[in-house]
Amino acid sequence: MTVQLELPIAAIRQPQNPGDKLTIQERFEEFHQLNPWILTHLEGLTADCVERGLRRIGIGMLFEVLRWQYGIATHGEPWKLNNDFRSRYVRRLIELHPEWSPLFETRKIHTA
């Protein structure tokens, strides 16, 4: 089974007032509220990797696959996902699916 974005998908929405004074975590939470489908698709991609027997998965790989699929589904609409959010998404995946913890390498978060 190959997970692909289904049409129609939501356009990536950006916060109206991103605010330079917000922490990465605050910016992530705001972005995630506007784009919950991103986590859903990252879950699907991870589940697909697990089903195929992968023992290690990089969140960077998942982001790039999602970027590729999003580009195909939107006919090239620019991808506007901040790479600063990668660590937040992987932690959210592990929070939702603790059994996936061994699949991902995480490091200590140094900034909030």
PDB file of N, CA and C in Angstrom:
ATOM      1  N   MET A   1       0.840  -1.171   0.000  1.00  0.00           N
ATOM      2  CA  MET A   1       0.000   0.000   0.000  1.00  0.00           C
ATOM      3  C   MET A   1       0.887   1.237   0.000  1.00  0.00           C
ATOM      4  N   THR A   2       0.716   2.118  -0.935  1.00  0.00           N
ATOM      5  CA  THR A   2       1.440   3.375  -0.964  1.00  0.00           C
ATOM      6  C   THR A   2       0.488   4.488  -0.599  1.00  0.00           C
ATOM      7  N   VAL A   3       0.840   5.240   0.422  1.00  0.00           N
ATOM      8  CA  VAL A   3       0.001   6.335   0.868  1.00  0.00           C
ATOM      9  C   VAL A   3       0.245   7.530  -0.035  1.00  0.00           C
ATOM     10  N   GLN A   4      -0.818   8.086  -0.555  1.00  0.00           N
ATOM     11  CA  GLN A   4      -0.714   9.285  -1.380  1.00  0.00           C
ATOM     12  C   GLN A   4      -1.759  10.277  -0.909  1.00  0.00           C
ATOM     13  N   LEU A   5      -1.472  11.535  -1.089  1.00  0.00           N
ATOM     14  CA  LEU A   5      -2.446  12.560  -0.738  1.00  0.00           C
ATOM     15  C   LEU A   5      -3.659  12.403  -1.623  1.00  0.00           C
ATOM     16  N   GLU A   6      -4.801  12.475  -0.996  1.00  0.00           N
ATOM     17  CA  GLU A   6      -6.030  12.352  -1.770  1.00  0.00           C
ATOM     18  C   GLU A   6      -6.532  13.733  -2.140  1.00  0.00           C
ATOM     19  N   LEU A   7      -7.045  13.829  -3.335  1.00  0.00           N
ATOM     20  CA  LEU A   7      -7.630  15.082  -3.784  1.00  0.00           C
ATOM     21  C   LEU A   7      -9.089  15.132  -3.365  1.00  0.00           C
ATOM     22  N   PRO A   8      -9.643  16.252  -3.057  1.00  0.00           N
ATOM     23  CA  PRO A   8      -8.928  17.513  -2.904  1.00  0.00           C
ATOM     24  C   PRO A   8      -8.260  17.568  -1.532  1.00  0.00           C
ATOM     25  N   ILE A   9      -7.124  18.195  -1.466  1.00  0.00           N
ATOM     26  CA  ILE A   9      -6.445  18.411  -0.198  1.00  0.00           C
ATOM     27  C   ILE A   9      -6.539  19.890   0.135  1.00  0.00           C
ATOM     28  N   ALA A  10      -6.377  20.182   1.394  1.00  0.00           N
ATOM     29  CA  ALA A  10      -6.433  21.573   1.820  1.00  0.00           C
ATOM     30  C   ALA A  10      -5.135  22.275   1.450  1.00  0.00           C
ATOM     31  N   ALA A  11      -5.271  23.517   1.084  1.00  0.00           N
ATOM     32  CA  ALA A  11      -4.079  24.316   0.851  1.00  0.00           C
ATOM     33  C   ALA A  11      -3.410  24.564   2.198  1.00  0.00           C
ATOM     34  N   ILE A  12      -2.112  24.662   2.187  1.00  0.00           N
ATOM     35  CA  ILE A  12      -1.401  24.955   3.422  1.00  0.00           C
ATOM     36  C   ILE A  12      -1.732  26.385   3.817  1.00  0.00           C
ATOM     37  N   ARG A  13      -2.191  26.517   5.042  1.00  0.00           N
ATOM     38  CA  ARG A  13      -2.556  27.835   5.553  1.00  0.00           C
ATOM     39  C   ARG A  13      -1.485  28.315   6.518  1.00  0.00           C
ATOM     40  N   GLN A  14      -1.142  29.582   6.417  1.00  0.00           N
ATOM     41  CA  GLN A  14      -0.152  30.190   7.300  1.00  0.00           C
ATOM     42  C   GLN A  14      -0.864  31.070   8.319  1.00  0.00           C
ATOM     43  N   PRO A  15      -0.330  31.150   9.535  1.00  0.00           N
ATOM     44  CA  PRO A  15      -0.918  32.062  10.525  1.00  0.00           C
ATOM     45  C   PRO A  15      -0.919  33.491  10.002  1.00  0.00           C
ATOM     46  N   GLN A  16      -1.942  34.249  10.346  1.00  0.00           N
ATOM     47  CA  GLN A  16      -2.055  35.621   9.844  1.00  0.00           C
ATOM     48  C   GLN A  16      -1.016  36.540  10.467  1.00  0.00           C
ATOM     49  N   ASN A  17      -0.735  36.354  11.725  1.00  0.00           N
ATOM     50  CA  ASN A  17       0.260  37.174  12.414  1.00  0.00           C
ATOM     51  C   ASN A  17       1.316  36.256  13.011  1.00  0.00           C
ATOM     52  N   PRO A  18       2.304  35.857  12.200  1.00  0.00           N
ATOM     53  CA  PRO A  18       3.267  34.872  12.686  1.00  0.00           C
ATOM     54  C   PRO A  18       4.031  35.324  13.922  1.00  0.00           C
ATOM     55  N   GLY A  19       4.260  36.593  14.090  1.00  0.00           N
ATOM     56  CA  GLY A  19       4.887  37.112  15.301  1.00  0.00           C
ATOM     57  C   GLY A  19       6.283  36.589  15.539  1.00  0.00           C
ATOM     58  N   ASP A  20       7.255  37.467  15.452  1.00  0.00           N
ATOM     59  CA  ASP A  20       8.650  37.081  15.664  1.00  0.00           C
ATOM     60  C   ASP A  20       8.937  36.706  17.103  1.00  0.00           C
ATOM     61  N   LYS A  21       8.077  37.113  18.019  1.00  0.00           N
ATOM     62  CA  LYS A  21       8.336  36.865  19.438  1.00  0.00           C
ATOM     63  C   LYS A  21       7.780  35.532  19.925  1.00  0.00           C
ATOM     64  N   LEU A  22       7.109  34.804  19.065  1.00  0.00           N
ATOM     65  CA  LEU A  22       6.580  33.494  19.452  1.00  0.00           C
ATOM     66  C   LEU A  22       7.698  32.464  19.438  1.00  0.00           C
ATOM     67  N   THR A  23       7.611  31.485  20.319  1.00  0.00           N
ATOM     68  CA  THR A  23       8.577  30.392  20.310  1.00  0.00           C
ATOM     69  C   THR A  23       8.278  29.470  19.139  1.00  0.00           C
ATOM     70  N   ILE A  24       9.221  28.612  18.833  1.00  0.00           N
ATOM     71  CA  ILE A  24       8.996  27.622  17.773  1.00  0.00           C
ATOM     72  C   ILE A  24       7.780  26.775  18.130  1.00  0.00           C
ATOM     73  N   GLN A  25       7.682  26.371  19.384  1.00  0.00           N
ATOM     74  CA  GLN A  25       6.554  25.543  19.810  1.00  0.00           C
ATOM     75  C   GLN A  25       5.233  26.285  19.604  1.00  0.00           C
ATOM     76  N   GLU A  26       5.178  27.565  19.961  1.00  0.00           N
ATOM     77  CA  GLU A  26       3.951  28.347  19.779  1.00  0.00           C
ATOM     78  C   GLU A  26       3.609  28.488  18.294  1.00  0.00           C
ATOM     79  N   ARG A  27       4.630  28.724  17.472  1.00  0.00           N
ATOM     80  CA  ARG A  27       4.390  28.823  16.033  1.00  0.00           C
ATOM     81  C   ARG A  27       3.906  27.491  15.466  1.00  0.00           C
ATOM     82  N   PHE A  28       4.516  26.383  15.955  1.00  0.00           N
ATOM     83  CA  PHE A  28       4.085  25.056  15.511  1.00  0.00           C
ATOM     84  C   PHE A  28       2.626  24.812  15.875  1.00  0.00           C
ATOM     85  N   GLU A  29       2.258  25.092  17.128  1.00  0.00           N
ATOM     86  CA  GLU A  29       0.878  24.843  17.571  1.00  0.00           C
ATOM     87  C   GLU A  29      -0.118  25.630  16.724  1.00  0.00           C
ATOM     88  N   GLU A  30       0.205  26.870  16.426  1.00  0.00           N
ATOM     89  CA  GLU A  30      -0.674  27.696  15.608  1.00  0.00           C
ATOM     90  C   GLU A  30      -0.774  27.140  14.186  1.00  0.00           C
ATOM     91  N   PHE A  31       0.375  26.768  13.618  1.00  0.00           N
ATOM     92  CA  PHE A  31       0.407  26.196  12.274  1.00  0.00           C
ATOM     93  C   PHE A  31      -0.360  24.880  12.229  1.00  0.00           C
ATOM     94  N   HIS A  32      -0.143  24.029  13.223  1.00  0.00           N
ATOM     95  CA  HIS A  32      -0.808  22.725  13.257  1.00  0.00           C
ATOM     96  C   HIS A  32      -2.329  22.869  13.352  1.00  0.00           C
ATOM     97  N   GLN A  33      -2.787  23.837  14.115  1.00  0.00           N
ATOM     98  CA  GLN A  33      -4.234  24.059  14.206  1.00  0.00           C
ATOM     99  C   GLN A  33      -4.830  24.414  12.850  1.00  0.00           C
ATOM    100  N   LEU A  34      -4.078  25.145  12.056  1.00  0.00           N
ATOM    101  CA  LEU A  34      -4.560  25.540  10.727  1.00  0.00           C
ATOM    102  C   LEU A  34      -4.428  24.418   9.696  1.00  0.00           C
ATOM    103  N   ASN A  35      -3.536  23.457   9.954  1.00  0.00           N
ATOM    104  CA  ASN A  35      -3.213  22.417   8.967  1.00  0.00           C
ATOM    105  C   ASN A  35      -3.151  21.022   9.604  1.00  0.00           C
ATOM    106  N   PRO A  36      -4.217  20.583  10.246  1.00  0.00           N
ATOM    107  CA  PRO A  36      -4.160  19.272  10.912  1.00  0.00           C
ATOM    108  C   PRO A  36      -3.951  18.110   9.952  1.00  0.00           C
ATOM    109  N   TRP A  37      -4.282  18.303   8.694  1.00  0.00           N
ATOM    110  CA  TRP A  37      -4.128  17.233   7.708  1.00  0.00           C
ATOM    111  C   TRP A  37      -2.668  16.838   7.514  1.00  0.00           C
ATOM    112  N   ILE A  38      -1.738  17.740   7.793  1.00  0.00           N
ATOM    113  CA  ILE A  38      -0.322  17.409   7.619  1.00  0.00           C
ATOM    114  C   ILE A  38       0.067  16.271   8.550  1.00  0.00           C
ATOM    115  N   LEU A  39      -0.321  16.354   9.812  1.00  0.00           N
ATOM    116  CA  LEU A  39      -0.024  15.276  10.758  1.00  0.00           C
ATOM    117  C   LEU A  39      -0.695  13.973  10.323  1.00  0.00           C
ATOM    118  N   THR A  40      -1.910  14.079   9.844  1.00  0.00           N
ATOM    119  CA  THR A  40      -2.636  12.888   9.373  1.00  0.00           C
ATOM    120  C   THR A  40      -1.862  12.197   8.256  1.00  0.00           C
ATOM    121  N   HIS A  41      -1.339  12.976   7.321  1.00  0.00           N
ATOM    122  CA  HIS A  41      -0.587  12.381   6.215  1.00  0.00           C
ATOM    123  C   HIS A  41       0.772  11.868   6.666  1.00  0.00           C
ATOM    124  N   LEU A  42       1.408  12.545   7.611  1.00  0.00           N
ATOM    125  CA  LEU A  42       2.661  12.018   8.155  1.00  0.00           C
ATOM    126  C   LEU A  42       2.416  10.693   8.871  1.00  0.00           C
ATOM    127  N   GLU A  43       1.280  10.581   9.557  1.00  0.00           N
ATOM    128  CA  GLU A  43       0.910   9.305  10.184  1.00  0.00           C
ATOM    129  C   GLU A  43       0.745   8.213   9.136  1.00  0.00           C
ATOM    130  N   GLY A  44       0.066   8.537   8.052  1.00  0.00           N
ATOM    131  CA  GLY A  44      -0.142   7.556   6.989  1.00  0.00           C
ATOM    132  C   GLY A  44       1.160   7.111   6.356  1.00  0.00           C
ATOM    133  N   LEU A  45       2.058   8.059   6.112  1.00  0.00           N
ATOM    134  CA  LEU A  45       3.359   7.709   5.541  1.00  0.00           C
ATOM    135  C   LEU A  45       4.154   6.829   6.497  1.00  0.00           C
ATOM    136  N   THR A  46       4.105   7.163   7.786  1.00  0.00           N
ATOM    137  CA  THR A  46       4.825   6.358   8.784  1.00  0.00           C
ATOM    138  C   THR A  46       4.237   4.951   8.854  1.00  0.00           C
ATOM    139  N   ALA A  47       2.918   4.850   8.876  1.00  0.00           N
ATOM    140  CA  ALA A  47       2.272   3.540   8.913  1.00  0.00           C
ATOM    141  C   ALA A  47       2.647   2.716   7.691  1.00  0.00           C
ATOM    142  N   ASP A  48       2.737   3.357   6.549  1.00  0.00           N
ATOM    143  CA  ASP A  48       3.148   2.679   5.324  1.00  0.00           C
ATOM    144  C   ASP A  48       4.572   2.140   5.469  1.00  0.00           C
ATOM    145  N   CYS A  49       5.463   2.944   6.028  1.00  0.00           N
ATOM    146  CA  CYS A  49       6.851   2.503   6.240  1.00  0.00           C
ATOM    147  C   CYS A  49       6.900   1.306   7.195  1.00  0.00           C
ATOM    148  N   VAL A  50       6.106   1.375   8.252  1.00  0.00           N
ATOM    149  CA  VAL A  50       6.056   0.270   9.219  1.00  0.00           C
ATOM    150  C   VAL A  50       5.551  -0.990   8.540  1.00  0.00           C
ATOM    151  N   GLU A  51       4.497  -0.848   7.749  1.00  0.00           N
ATOM    152  CA  GLU A  51       3.920  -1.986   7.032  1.00  0.00           C
ATOM    153  C   GLU A  51       4.937  -2.628   6.089  1.00  0.00           C
ATOM    154  N   ARG A  52       5.828  -1.825   5.553  1.00  0.00           N
ATOM    155  CA  ARG A  52       6.853  -2.325   4.630  1.00  0.00           C
ATOM    156  C   ARG A  52       8.080  -2.876   5.356  1.00  0.00           C
ATOM    157  N   GLY A  53       8.085  -2.779   6.683  1.00  0.00           N
ATOM    158  CA  GLY A  53       9.155  -3.385   7.457  1.00  0.00           C
ATOM    159  C   GLY A  53      10.335  -2.476   7.769  1.00  0.00           C
ATOM    160  N   LEU A  54      10.231  -1.186   7.511  1.00  0.00           N
ATOM    161  CA  LEU A  54      11.329  -0.290   7.848  1.00  0.00           C
ATOM    162  C   LEU A  54      11.515  -0.232   9.355  1.00  0.00           C
ATOM    163  N   ARG A  55      12.752  -0.222   9.776  1.00  0.00           N
ATOM    164  CA  ARG A  55      13.052  -0.185  11.208  1.00  0.00           C
ATOM    165  C   ARG A  55      13.491   1.193  11.672  1.00  0.00           C
ATOM    166  N   ARG A  56      13.931   2.033  10.762  1.00  0.00           N
ATOM    167  CA  ARG A  56      14.331   3.403  11.064  1.00  0.00           C
ATOM    168  C   ARG A  56      13.706   4.315  10.016  1.00  0.00           C
ATOM    169  N   ILE A  57      13.179   5.430  10.482  1.00  0.00           N
ATOM    170  CA  ILE A  57      12.535   6.387   9.592  1.00  0.00           C
ATOM    171  C   ILE A  57      13.032   7.776   9.977  1.00  0.00           C
ATOM    172  N   GLY A  58      13.335   8.567   8.998  1.00  0.00           N
ATOM    173  CA  GLY A  58      13.712   9.954   9.256  1.00  0.00           C
ATOM    174  C   GLY A  58      12.551  10.877   8.960  1.00  0.00           C
ATOM    175  N   ILE A  59      12.301  11.803   9.867  1.00  0.00           N
ATOM    176  CA  ILE A  59      11.223  12.761   9.632  1.00  0.00           C
ATOM    177  C   ILE A  59      11.533  13.603   8.398  1.00  0.00           C
ATOM    178  N   GLY A  60      12.811  13.822   8.116  1.00  0.00           N
ATOM    179  CA  GLY A  60      13.187  14.562   6.912  1.00  0.00           C
ATOM    180  C   GLY A  60      12.708  13.853   5.660  1.00  0.00           C
ATOM    181  N   MET A  61      12.857  12.529   5.637  1.00  0.00           N
ATOM    182  CA  MET A  61      12.391  11.750   4.495  1.00  0.00           C
ATOM    183  C   MET A  61      10.872  11.901   4.342  1.00  0.00           C
ATOM    184  N   LEU A  62      10.156  11.804   5.451  1.00  0.00           N
ATOM    185  CA  LEU A  62       8.703  11.919   5.390  1.00  0.00           C
ATOM    186  C   LEU A  62       8.285  13.296   4.879  1.00  0.00           C
ATOM    187  N   PHE A  63       8.989  14.348   5.325  1.00  0.00           N
ATOM    188  CA  PHE A  63       8.678  15.693   4.851  1.00  0.00           C
ATOM    189  C   PHE A  63       8.880  15.801   3.339  1.00  0.00           C
ATOM    190  N   GLU A  64       9.968  15.224   2.845  1.00  0.00           N
ATOM    191  CA  GLU A  64      10.255  15.328   1.413  1.00  0.00           C
ATOM    192  C   GLU A  64       9.250  14.537   0.592  1.00  0.00           C
ATOM    193  N   VAL A  65       8.824  13.381   1.070  1.00  0.00           N
ATOM    194  CA  VAL A  65       7.785  12.614   0.366  1.00  0.00           C
ATOM    195  C   VAL A  65       6.486  13.412   0.361  1.00  0.00           C
ATOM    196  N   LEU A  66       6.147  14.004   1.507  1.00  0.00           N
ATOM    197  CA  LEU A  66       4.927  14.808   1.592  1.00  0.00           C
ATOM    198  C   LEU A  66       5.017  16.026   0.671  1.00  0.00           C
ATOM    199  N   ARG A  67       6.180  16.643   0.608  1.00  0.00           N
ATOM    200  CA  ARG A  67       6.370  17.779  -0.312  1.00  0.00           C
ATOM    201  C   ARG A  67       6.137  17.349  -1.761  1.00  0.00           C
ATOM    202  N   TRP A  68       6.695  16.202  -2.117  1.00  0.00           N
ATOM    203  CA  TRP A  68       6.558  15.695  -3.476  1.00  0.00           C
ATOM    204  C   TRP A  68       5.089  15.414  -3.785  1.00  0.00           C
ATOM    205  N   GLN A  69       4.417  14.704  -2.880  1.00  0.00           N
ATOM    206  CA  GLN A  69       3.014  14.370  -3.114  1.00  0.00           C
ATOM    207  C   GLN A  69       2.142  15.621  -3.150  1.00  0.00           C
ATOM    208  N   TYR A  70       2.438  16.575  -2.293  1.00  0.00           N
ATOM    209  CA  TYR A  70       1.680  17.823  -2.270  1.00  0.00           C
ATOM    210  C   TYR A  70       1.850  18.572  -3.594  1.00  0.00           C
ATOM    211  N   GLY A  71       3.076  18.602  -4.102  1.00  0.00           N
ATOM    212  CA  GLY A  71       3.332  19.261  -5.380  1.00  0.00           C
ATOM    213  C   GLY A  71       2.567  18.626  -6.513  1.00  0.00           C
ATOM    214  N   ILE A  72       2.495  17.310  -6.516  1.00  0.00           N
ATOM    215  CA  ILE A  72       1.733  16.614  -7.558  1.00  0.00           C
ATOM    216  C   ILE A  72       0.238  16.904  -7.409  1.00  0.00           C
ATOM    217  N   ALA A  73      -0.252  16.832  -6.179  1.00  0.00           N
ATOM    218  CA  ALA A  73      -1.683  17.018  -5.937  1.00  0.00           C
ATOM    219  C   ALA A  73      -2.140  18.441  -6.211  1.00  0.00           C
ATOM    220  N   THR A  74      -1.245  19.416  -6.035  1.00  0.00           N
ATOM    221  CA  THR A  74      -1.629  20.822  -6.211  1.00  0.00           C
ATOM    222  C   THR A  74      -1.074  21.415  -7.498  1.00  0.00           C
ATOM    223  N   HIS A  75      -0.496  20.562  -8.326  1.00  0.00           N
ATOM    224  CA  HIS A  75       0.087  21.009  -9.600  1.00  0.00           C
ATOM    225  C   HIS A  75       1.171  22.066  -9.376  1.00  0.00           C
ATOM    226  N   GLY A  76       1.999  21.811  -8.371  1.00  0.00           N
ATOM    227  CA  GLY A  76       3.174  22.651  -8.164  1.00  0.00           C
ATOM    228  C   GLY A  76       3.031  23.803  -7.204  1.00  0.00           C
ATOM    229  N   GLU A  77       1.932  23.847  -6.428  1.00  0.00           N
ATOM    230  CA  GLU A  77       1.812  24.931  -5.443  1.00  0.00           C
ATOM    231  C   GLU A  77       3.007  24.886  -4.499  1.00  0.00           C
ATOM    232  N   PRO A  78       3.603  26.028  -4.201  1.00  0.00           N
ATOM    233  CA  PRO A  78       4.782  26.025  -3.325  1.00  0.00           C
ATOM    234  C   PRO A  78       4.483  25.444  -1.950  1.00  0.00           C
ATOM    235  N   TRP A  79       5.432  24.683  -1.466  1.00  0.00           N
ATOM    236  CA  TRP A  79       5.330  24.058  -0.152  1.00  0.00           C
ATOM    237  C   TRP A  79       5.783  25.061   0.883  1.00  0.00           C
ATOM    238  N   LYS A  80       4.977  25.302   1.875  1.00  0.00           N
ATOM    239  CA  LYS A  80       5.284  26.318   2.877  1.00  0.00           C
ATOM    240  C   LYS A  80       5.280  25.703   4.271  1.00  0.00           C
ATOM    241  N   LEU A  81       6.119  24.720   4.482  1.00  0.00           N
ATOM    242  CA  LEU A  81       6.211  24.074   5.782  1.00  0.00           C
ATOM    243  C   LEU A  81       7.602  24.330   6.338  1.00  0.00           C
ATOM    244  N   ASN A  82       7.648  24.951   7.481  1.00  0.00           N
ATOM    245  CA  ASN A  82       8.903  25.326   8.109  1.00  0.00           C
ATOM    246  C   ASN A  82       9.622  24.084   8.630  1.00  0.00           C
ATOM    247  N   ASN A  83      10.872  23.901   8.230  1.00  0.00           N
ATOM    248  CA  ASN A  83      11.639  22.752   8.708  1.00  0.00           C
ATOM    249  C   ASN A  83      11.854  22.777  10.211  1.00  0.00           C
ATOM    250  N   ASP A  84      11.684  23.943  10.838  1.00  0.00           N
ATOM    251  CA  ASP A  84      11.776  24.016  12.298  1.00  0.00           C
ATOM    252  C   ASP A  84      10.723  23.139  12.967  1.00  0.00           C
ATOM    253  N   PHE A  85       9.670  22.802  12.243  1.00  0.00           N
ATOM    254  CA  PHE A  85       8.576  22.027  12.821  1.00  0.00           C
ATOM    255  C   PHE A  85       8.810  20.520  12.767  1.00  0.00           C
ATOM    256  N   ARG A  86       9.849  20.089  12.105  1.00  0.00           N
ATOM    257  CA  ARG A  86      10.096  18.647  11.974  1.00  0.00           C
ATOM    258  C   ARG A  86      10.138  17.951  13.326  1.00  0.00           C
ATOM    259  N   SER A  87      10.915  18.501  14.251  1.00  0.00           N
ATOM    260  CA  SER A  87      11.058  17.843  15.559  1.00  0.00           C
ATOM    261  C   SER A  87       9.730  17.819  16.313  1.00  0.00           C
ATOM    262  N   ARG A  88       8.909  18.824  16.089  1.00  0.00           N
ATOM    263  CA  ARG A  88       7.598  18.861  16.759  1.00  0.00           C
ATOM    264  C   ARG A  88       6.674  17.798  16.164  1.00  0.00           C
ATOM    265  N   TYR A  89       6.716  17.650  14.845  1.00  0.00           N
ATOM    266  CA  TYR A  89       5.873  16.631  14.220  1.00  0.00           C
ATOM    267  C   TYR A  89       6.290  15.226  14.636  1.00  0.00           C
ATOM    268  N   VAL A  90       7.579  14.953  14.692  1.00  0.00           N
ATOM    269  CA  VAL A  90       7.995  13.602  15.064  1.00  0.00           C
ATOM    270  C   VAL A  90       7.608  13.306  16.510  1.00  0.00           C
ATOM    271  N   ARG A  91       7.708  14.293  17.368  1.00  0.00           N
ATOM    272  CA  ARG A  91       7.290  14.084  18.758  1.00  0.00           C
ATOM    273  C   ARG A  91       5.781  13.863  18.855  1.00  0.00           C
ATOM    274  N   ARG A  92       5.030  14.566  18.030  1.00  0.00           N
ATOM    275  CA  ARG A  92       3.580  14.371  18.021  1.00  0.00           C
ATOM    276  C   ARG A  92       3.234  12.973  17.512  1.00  0.00           C
ATOM    277  N   LEU A  93       3.963  12.501  16.485  1.00  0.00           N
ATOM    278  CA  LEU A  93       3.739  11.136  15.986  1.00  0.00           C
ATOM    279  C   LEU A  93       4.007  10.110  17.088  1.00  0.00           C
ATOM    280  N   ILE A  94       5.095  10.295  17.818  1.00  0.00           N
ATOM    281  CA  ILE A  94       5.446   9.354  18.897  1.00  0.00           C
ATOM    282  C   ILE A  94       4.437   9.453  20.040  1.00  0.00           C
ATOM    283  N   GLU A  95       3.953  10.648  20.298  1.00  0.00           N
ATOM    284  CA  GLU A  95       2.945  10.833  21.341  1.00  0.00           C
ATOM    285  C   GLU A  95       1.673  10.058  20.991  1.00  0.00           C
ATOM    286  N   LEU A  96       1.277  10.124  19.721  1.00  0.00           N
ATOM    287  CA  LEU A  96       0.067   9.437  19.265  1.00  0.00           C
ATOM    288  C   LEU A  96       0.268   7.935  19.088  1.00  0.00           C
ATOM    289  N   HIS A  97       1.508   7.545  18.773  1.00  0.00           N
ATOM    290  CA  HIS A  97       1.833   6.139  18.498  1.00  0.00           C
ATOM    291  C   HIS A  97       3.133   5.780  19.226  1.00  0.00           C
ATOM    292  N   PRO A  98       3.082   5.549  20.524  1.00  0.00           N
ATOM    293  CA  PRO A  98       4.310   5.258  21.282  1.00  0.00           C
ATOM    294  C   PRO A  98       5.099   4.076  20.726  1.00  0.00           C
ATOM    295  N   GLU A  99       4.425   3.165  20.065  1.00  0.00           N
ATOM    296  CA  GLU A  99       5.103   2.003  19.492  1.00  0.00           C
ATOM    297  C   GLU A  99       6.057   2.402  18.362  1.00  0.00           C
ATOM    298  N   TRP A 100       5.919   3.611  17.849  1.00  0.00           N
ATOM    299  CA  TRP A 100       6.804   4.103  16.793  1.00  0.00           C
ATOM    300  C   TRP A 100       8.078   4.744  17.331  1.00  0.00           C
ATOM    301  N   SER A 101       8.183   4.863  18.618  1.00  0.00           N
ATOM    302  CA  SER A 101       9.344   5.529  19.222  1.00  0.00           C
ATOM    303  C   SER A 101      10.686   4.980  18.728  1.00  0.00           C
ATOM    304  N   PRO A 102      10.855   3.655  18.620  1.00  0.00           N
ATOM    305  CA  PRO A 102      12.147   3.138  18.142  1.00  0.00           C
ATOM    306  C   PRO A 102      12.457   3.478  16.680  1.00  0.00           C
ATOM    307  N   LEU A 103      11.458   3.886  15.930  1.00  0.00           N
ATOM    308  CA  LEU A 103      11.661   4.177  14.512  1.00  0.00           C
ATOM    309  C   LEU A 103      12.399   5.489  14.283  1.00  0.00           C
ATOM    310  N   PHE A 104      12.220   6.437  15.186  1.00  0.00           N
ATOM    311  CA  PHE A 104      12.727   7.789  14.999  1.00  0.00           C
ATOM    312  C   PHE A 104      13.820   8.108  16.001  1.00  0.00           C
ATOM    313  N   GLU A 105      14.809   8.844  15.519  1.00  0.00           N
ATOM    314  CA  GLU A 105      15.823   9.378  16.415  1.00  0.00           C
ATOM    315  C   GLU A 105      15.405  10.793  16.789  1.00  0.00           C
ATOM    316  N   THR A 106      15.358  11.069  18.072  1.00  0.00           N
ATOM    317  CA  THR A 106      15.036  12.421  18.522  1.00  0.00           C
ATOM    318  C   THR A 106      16.174  12.935  19.367  1.00  0.00           C
ATOM    319  N   ARG A 107      16.325  14.225  19.344  1.00  0.00           N
ATOM    320  CA  ARG A 107      17.353  14.888  20.144  1.00  0.00           C
ATOM    321  C   ARG A 107      16.651  15.841  21.103  1.00  0.00           C
ATOM    322  N   LYS A 108      17.379  16.249  22.087  1.00  0.00           N
ATOM    323  CA  LYS A 108      16.851  17.197  23.049  1.00  0.00           C
ATOM    324  C   LYS A 108      16.535  18.505  22.324  1.00  0.00           C
ATOM    325  N   ILE A 109      15.386  19.094  22.655  1.00  0.00           N
ATOM    326  CA  ILE A 109      15.006  20.378  22.088  1.00  0.00           C
ATOM    327  C   ILE A 109      15.697  21.457  22.907  1.00  0.00           C
ATOM    328  N   HIS A 110      16.491  22.296  22.235  1.00  0.00           N
ATOM    329  CA  HIS A 110      17.250  23.332  22.929  1.00  0.00           C
ATOM    330  C   HIS A 110      16.512  24.657  22.985  1.00  0.00           C
ATOM    331  N   THR A 111      15.593  24.891  22.053  1.00  0.00           N
ATOM    332  CA  THR A 111      14.828  26.126  22.064  1.00  0.00           C
ATOM    333  C   THR A 111      13.369  25.787  22.194  1.00  0.00           C
ATOM    334  N   ALA A 112      12.638  26.692  22.792  1.00  0.00           N
ATOM    335  CA  ALA A 112      11.212  26.447  23.043  1.00  0.00           C
ATOM    336  C   ALA A 112      10.369  26.617  21.831  1.00  0.00           C
TER     337      ALA A 112
END
